[in-house]
Amino acid sequence: MKTAEEWDLAFDILWNNIVSDKAPGLEKYEKSLFLTQAQSALVKDYFSPNSNTWNTGFDDSIRRQSDFRSLIETEILTPAMVGAEDVIPFSVRQGTLYFRHPQDMFLIINEELQGTKPNGAVVYYNIVPISYEEYSRLMKKPYKYPPKGIAWRLITDNQEQETGYQLIELIGRFINEGSSNYRVRYVKRPSPIILEDLPEGLSIEGKSSKATCLLPEHLHDEILQRAVMIAKITWLDLPGQQAQASQL
């Protein structure tokens, strides 16, 4: 299914086969919502070992890496500045770096912080994600920093409501002077599947232009089947529909 028209037709065929012609017809906007929701659920399942049948994650299958290669990005993140609109720090202390979190980032695969001393020497830091609960526990210790060559990572929000975005906070024993370079390889959120240009005032995940699926075509049937099942469950949850569905 390479075009929006093919997605639309395939959805209608499967929808009618599953729920019969007694089910209400769906608008393209509704079908776009269900397809986008199904696509997001598929990506989450494939990248979360605890939510798929095989209990495997992204790196447990070479084919899976190939399937989702279109969602893999590598980026050097932009530093966020304390004292400006970028960051209102949780606590004022040394040893914390802030970076802007890419808006389309879903899951970090690899990450590396590289520091350069004034004399040109390069220092590398391994990044260790921690939870907020773990952060509170670690900050109660007499020595509130990770071992040398390690940086703890938290993801939070800045405080500006209109221009808000997520921030990555790195805590470590960093070089006092010099520059830092934070590089991440990550899985980005897939773009929504939109079957037609949406009228003003309507959008899906902030997008309103007609767009099809960028994932490999052999995954399209699974997305379609999930979308139709989500639509069926939604329809059955409507008042009075369960009794009608039992007669189908």
Protein backbone atom coordinates (compact mmCIF):
# COMPACT_ATOMS: atom_id res chain seq x y z
CA MET A 1 0.00 0.00 0.00
CA LYS A 2 2.07 2.87 -1.27
CA THR A 3 -0.66 5.50 -1.67
CA ALA A 4 -3.29 6.97 0.63
CA GLU A 5 -5.98 5.72 -1.74
CA GLU A 6 -4.71 2.13 -1.38
CA TRP A 7 -4.75 2.44 2.41
CA ASP A 8 -8.29 3.82 2.29
CA LEU A 9 -9.63 1.02 0.06
CA ALA A 10 -7.86 -1.73 2.02
CA PHE A 11 -9.25 -0.36 5.29
CA ASP A 12 -12.81 -0.36 3.93
CA ILE A 13 -12.54 -3.93 2.64
CA LEU A 14 -11.20 -5.31 5.90
CA TRP A 15 -13.61 -3.22 7.98
CA ASN A 16 -16.62 -4.55 6.07
CA ASN A 17 -15.33 -8.13 6.24
CA ILE A 18 -14.89 -7.99 10.01
CA VAL A 19 -17.96 -6.09 11.16
CA SER A 20 -20.31 -6.64 8.16
CA ASP A 21 -22.24 -4.01 6.29
CA LYS A 22 -24.25 -3.18 9.44
CA ALA A 23 -21.33 -1.21 10.81
CA PRO A 24 -21.24 2.53 10.17
CA GLY A 25 -18.99 3.92 7.47
CA LEU A 26 -15.91 5.76 8.65
CA GLU A 27 -14.65 9.13 7.51
CA LYS A 28 -11.09 9.38 6.22
CA TYR A 29 -10.15 11.43 9.27
CA GLU A 30 -11.36 8.63 11.55
CA LYS A 31 -9.49 6.00 9.54
CA SER A 32 -6.37 8.15 9.66
CA LEU A 33 -6.61 8.31 13.45
CA PHE A 34 -6.95 4.52 13.73
CA LEU A 35 -4.10 3.86 11.28
CA THR A 36 -1.78 6.28 13.10
CA GLN A 37 -2.67 4.75 16.46
CA ALA A 38 -2.01 1.24 15.11
CA GLN A 39 1.33 2.29 13.63
CA SER A 40 2.45 3.80 16.95
CA ALA A 41 1.37 0.67 18.84
CA LEU A 42 3.33 -1.55 16.45
CA VAL A 43 6.52 0.48 16.89
CA LYS A 44 6.16 0.47 20.68
CA ASP A 45 5.61 -3.29 20.71
CA TYR A 46 8.60 -3.99 18.51
CA PHE A 47 10.93 -1.84 20.57
CA SER A 48 9.73 -2.95 24.01
CA PRO A 49 10.82 -6.53 24.87
CA ASN A 50 8.10 -6.89 27.51
CA SER A 51 5.23 -6.10 25.16
CA ASN A 52 5.75 -8.49 22.26
CA THR A 53 5.18 -12.23 21.94
CA TRP A 54 8.82 -13.14 21.44
CA ASN A 55 10.05 -11.04 24.39
CA THR A 56 12.73 -9.54 22.16
CA GLY A 57 13.80 -5.95 21.66
CA PHE A 58 15.28 -3.93 18.83
CA ASP A 59 18.72 -5.54 18.85
CA ASP A 60 17.47 -9.13 19.08
CA SER A 61 16.68 -9.30 15.38
CA ILE A 62 18.70 -8.15 12.37
CA ARG A 63 15.48 -8.05 10.39
CA ARG A 64 13.94 -5.73 12.95
CA GLN A 65 16.83 -3.31 12.54
CA SER A 66 16.18 -3.39 8.80
CA ASP A 67 12.43 -2.99 9.22
CA PHE A 68 12.80 0.21 11.22
CA ARG A 69 15.87 1.74 9.58
CA SER A 70 13.72 4.61 8.26
CA LEU A 71 13.07 5.66 11.86
CA ILE A 72 16.71 5.74 12.96
CA GLU A 73 18.34 9.16 13.30
CA THR A 74 21.76 10.31 14.53
CA GLU A 75 22.06 13.83 15.86
CA ILE A 76 24.40 16.08 17.83
CA LEU A 77 22.09 17.74 20.34
CA THR A 78 21.97 21.48 20.91
CA PRO A 79 23.01 22.63 24.41
CA ALA A 80 20.36 24.41 26.49
CA MET A 81 21.53 27.35 28.56
CA VAL A 82 20.86 27.80 32.28
CA GLY A 83 19.70 31.30 33.12
CA ALA A 84 18.02 31.86 29.77
CA GLU A 85 14.52 30.73 28.77
CA ASP A 86 15.91 27.26 28.02
CA VAL A 87 16.40 25.93 31.54
CA ILE A 88 15.10 26.56 35.03
CA PRO A 89 17.41 24.16 36.92
CA PHE A 90 16.05 21.90 39.65
CA SER A 91 19.08 22.70 41.78
CA VAL A 92 21.94 25.16 41.34
CA ARG A 93 25.19 23.18 41.39
CA GLN A 94 28.10 22.28 39.20
CA GLY A 95 28.30 19.11 37.19
CA THR A 96 25.07 19.39 35.20
CA LEU A 97 24.70 19.83 31.44
CA TYR A 98 21.42 20.41 29.61
CA PHE A 99 20.53 19.60 25.99
CA ARG A 100 17.41 20.03 23.91
CA HIS A 101 15.49 16.77 23.47
CA PRO A 102 14.54 16.24 19.76
CA GLN A 103 10.78 16.57 19.42
CA ASP A 104 10.49 13.42 17.33
CA MET A 105 12.62 11.24 19.62
CA PHE A 106 10.91 8.05 20.82
CA LEU A 107 13.73 5.86 22.12
CA ILE A 108 17.49 6.41 22.51
CA ILE A 109 19.55 3.51 21.14
CA ASN A 110 23.11 4.77 21.61
CA GLU A 111 24.49 7.92 23.21
CA GLU A 112 27.89 9.40 23.91
CA LEU A 113 29.16 12.56 25.56
CA GLN A 114 32.50 13.85 24.36
CA GLY A 115 34.31 16.57 26.24
CA THR A 116 37.26 18.56 24.92
CA LYS A 117 39.71 20.13 27.34
CA PRO A 118 41.24 23.54 26.62
CA ASN A 119 44.48 21.78 25.66
CA GLY A 120 42.64 19.75 23.01
CA ALA A 121 42.56 16.44 24.89
CA VAL A 122 39.29 14.49 24.42
CA VAL A 123 37.40 12.80 27.26
CA TYR A 124 34.48 10.37 26.72
CA TYR A 125 31.63 9.70 29.15
CA ASN A 126 29.34 6.67 29.29
CA ILE A 127 25.70 7.66 29.76
CA VAL A 128 23.60 5.83 32.38
CA PRO A 129 19.83 6.57 32.45
CA ILE A 130 18.39 6.88 35.97
CA SER A 131 14.86 7.25 37.32
CA TYR A 132 13.59 10.20 39.36
CA GLU A 133 13.34 7.93 42.39
CA GLU A 134 16.94 6.83 41.90
CA TYR A 135 17.99 10.46 41.50
CA SER A 136 16.45 11.32 44.89
CA ARG A 137 18.26 8.40 46.51
CA LEU A 138 21.62 9.28 44.95
CA MET A 139 21.34 12.95 45.95
CA LYS A 140 21.04 11.92 49.60
CA LYS A 141 24.48 10.37 49.55
CA PRO A 142 27.48 12.39 50.83
CA TYR A 143 29.09 12.22 47.38
CA LYS A 144 26.45 13.27 44.87
CA TYR A 145 28.23 12.48 41.61
CA PRO A 146 28.70 9.36 39.48
CA PRO A 147 32.12 7.71 39.09
CA LYS A 148 34.66 9.31 36.80
CA GLY A 149 33.82 8.77 33.13
CA ILE A 150 30.10 8.18 33.87
CA ALA A 151 27.19 10.60 33.43
CA TRP A 152 23.67 10.10 34.78
CA ARG A 153 20.83 11.04 32.47
CA LEU A 154 17.35 12.40 33.23
CA ILE A 155 14.71 13.68 30.80
CA THR A 156 12.51 16.55 31.94
CA ASP A 157 10.60 19.61 30.67
CA ASN A 158 11.44 23.27 30.74
CA GLN A 159 8.97 25.58 32.42
CA GLU A 160 7.85 27.72 29.50
CA GLN A 161 4.28 26.67 28.66
CA GLU A 162 4.07 28.21 25.19
CA THR A 163 7.55 27.22 24.02
CA GLY A 164 7.96 24.15 26.21
CA TYR A 165 10.00 21.18 25.09
CA GLN A 166 11.77 18.31 26.74
CA LEU A 167 15.29 18.58 28.09
CA ILE A 168 18.00 16.01 28.63
CA GLU A 169 19.87 16.57 31.89
CA LEU A 170 23.32 15.01 32.28
CA ILE A 171 24.96 14.85 35.71
CA GLY A 172 28.64 14.02 36.10
CA ARG A 173 32.19 15.03 36.93
CA PHE A 174 32.66 17.12 33.81
CA ILE A 175 35.54 19.23 32.58
CA ASN A 176 35.23 22.67 34.12
CA GLU A 177 36.38 24.42 30.98
CA GLY A 178 36.19 23.44 27.35
CA SER A 179 33.44 22.19 25.07
CA SER A 180 31.09 19.20 25.14
CA ASN A 181 29.53 17.24 22.29
CA TYR A 182 26.49 15.05 23.02
CA ARG A 183 25.64 12.64 20.19
CA VAL A 184 22.62 10.30 20.17
CA ARG A 185 21.33 7.62 17.82
CA TYR A 186 17.59 7.25 18.37
CA VAL A 187 14.31 5.88 17.09
CA LYS A 188 12.04 8.70 16.01
CA ARG A 189 8.27 8.63 16.24
CA PRO A 190 6.72 7.61 12.91
CA SER A 191 4.87 10.31 11.00
CA PRO A 192 1.07 9.96 11.10
CA ILE A 193 -0.79 8.22 8.28
CA ILE A 194 -3.24 10.80 6.87
CA LEU A 195 -5.53 9.74 4.02
CA GLU A 196 -6.42 13.26 2.86
CA ASP A 197 -5.49 16.87 3.55
CA LEU A 198 -7.35 17.79 6.72
CA PRO A 199 -9.53 20.89 6.96
CA GLU A 200 -8.42 23.83 9.04
CA GLY A 201 -8.67 23.09 12.73
CA LEU A 202 -8.03 19.35 12.41
CA SER A 203 -4.67 17.64 12.77
CA ILE A 204 -3.13 14.34 13.82
CA GLU A 205 -0.02 14.64 16.00
CA GLY A 206 0.34 18.21 14.77
CA LYS A 207 0.19 17.25 11.07
CA SER A 208 -2.61 18.02 8.63
CA SER A 209 -1.20 17.22 5.17
CA LYS A 210 -1.92 13.97 3.32
CA ALA A 211 0.82 11.41 4.07
CA THR A 212 1.31 7.67 3.81
CA CYS A 213 3.34 5.17 5.85
CA LEU A 214 7.16 5.33 5.65
CA LEU A 215 7.70 1.89 7.18
CA PRO A 216 8.51 -1.09 4.89
CA GLU A 217 5.55 -2.37 2.91
CA HIS A 218 5.62 -5.85 4.48
CA LEU A 219 4.56 -4.20 7.77
CA HIS A 220 1.54 -2.48 6.26
CA ASP A 221 -0.86 -5.42 6.58
CA GLU A 222 -0.13 -5.67 10.30
CA ILE A 223 -0.75 -1.94 10.76
CA LEU A 224 -3.99 -2.21 8.78
CA GLN A 225 -5.27 -5.18 10.78
CA ARG A 226 -4.46 -3.45 14.07
CA ALA A 227 -6.20 -0.27 12.92
CA VAL A 228 -9.40 -2.09 11.96
CA MET A 229 -9.46 -3.96 15.28
CA ILE A 230 -9.00 -0.66 17.16
CA ALA A 231 -11.89 0.77 15.13
CA LYS A 232 -14.05 -2.28 15.93
CA ILE A 233 -13.34 -2.01 19.66
CA THR A 234 -14.11 1.71 19.56
CA TRP A 235 -17.40 1.08 17.73
CA LEU A 236 -18.44 -1.66 20.18
CA ASP A 237 -17.81 0.69 23.09
CA LEU A 238 -20.45 3.11 21.79
CA PRO A 239 -23.80 3.02 23.66
CA GLY A 240 -26.18 0.42 22.22
CA GLN A 241 -23.64 -1.10 19.84
CA GLN A 242 -22.78 -4.22 21.84
CA ALA A 243 -26.32 -5.54 21.56
CA GLN A 244 -26.38 -4.81 17.85
CA ALA A 245 -22.95 -6.43 17.34
CA SER A 246 -24.09 -9.63 19.04
CA GLN A 247 -26.60 -10.05 16.22
CA LEU A 248 -23.96 -9.85 13.47
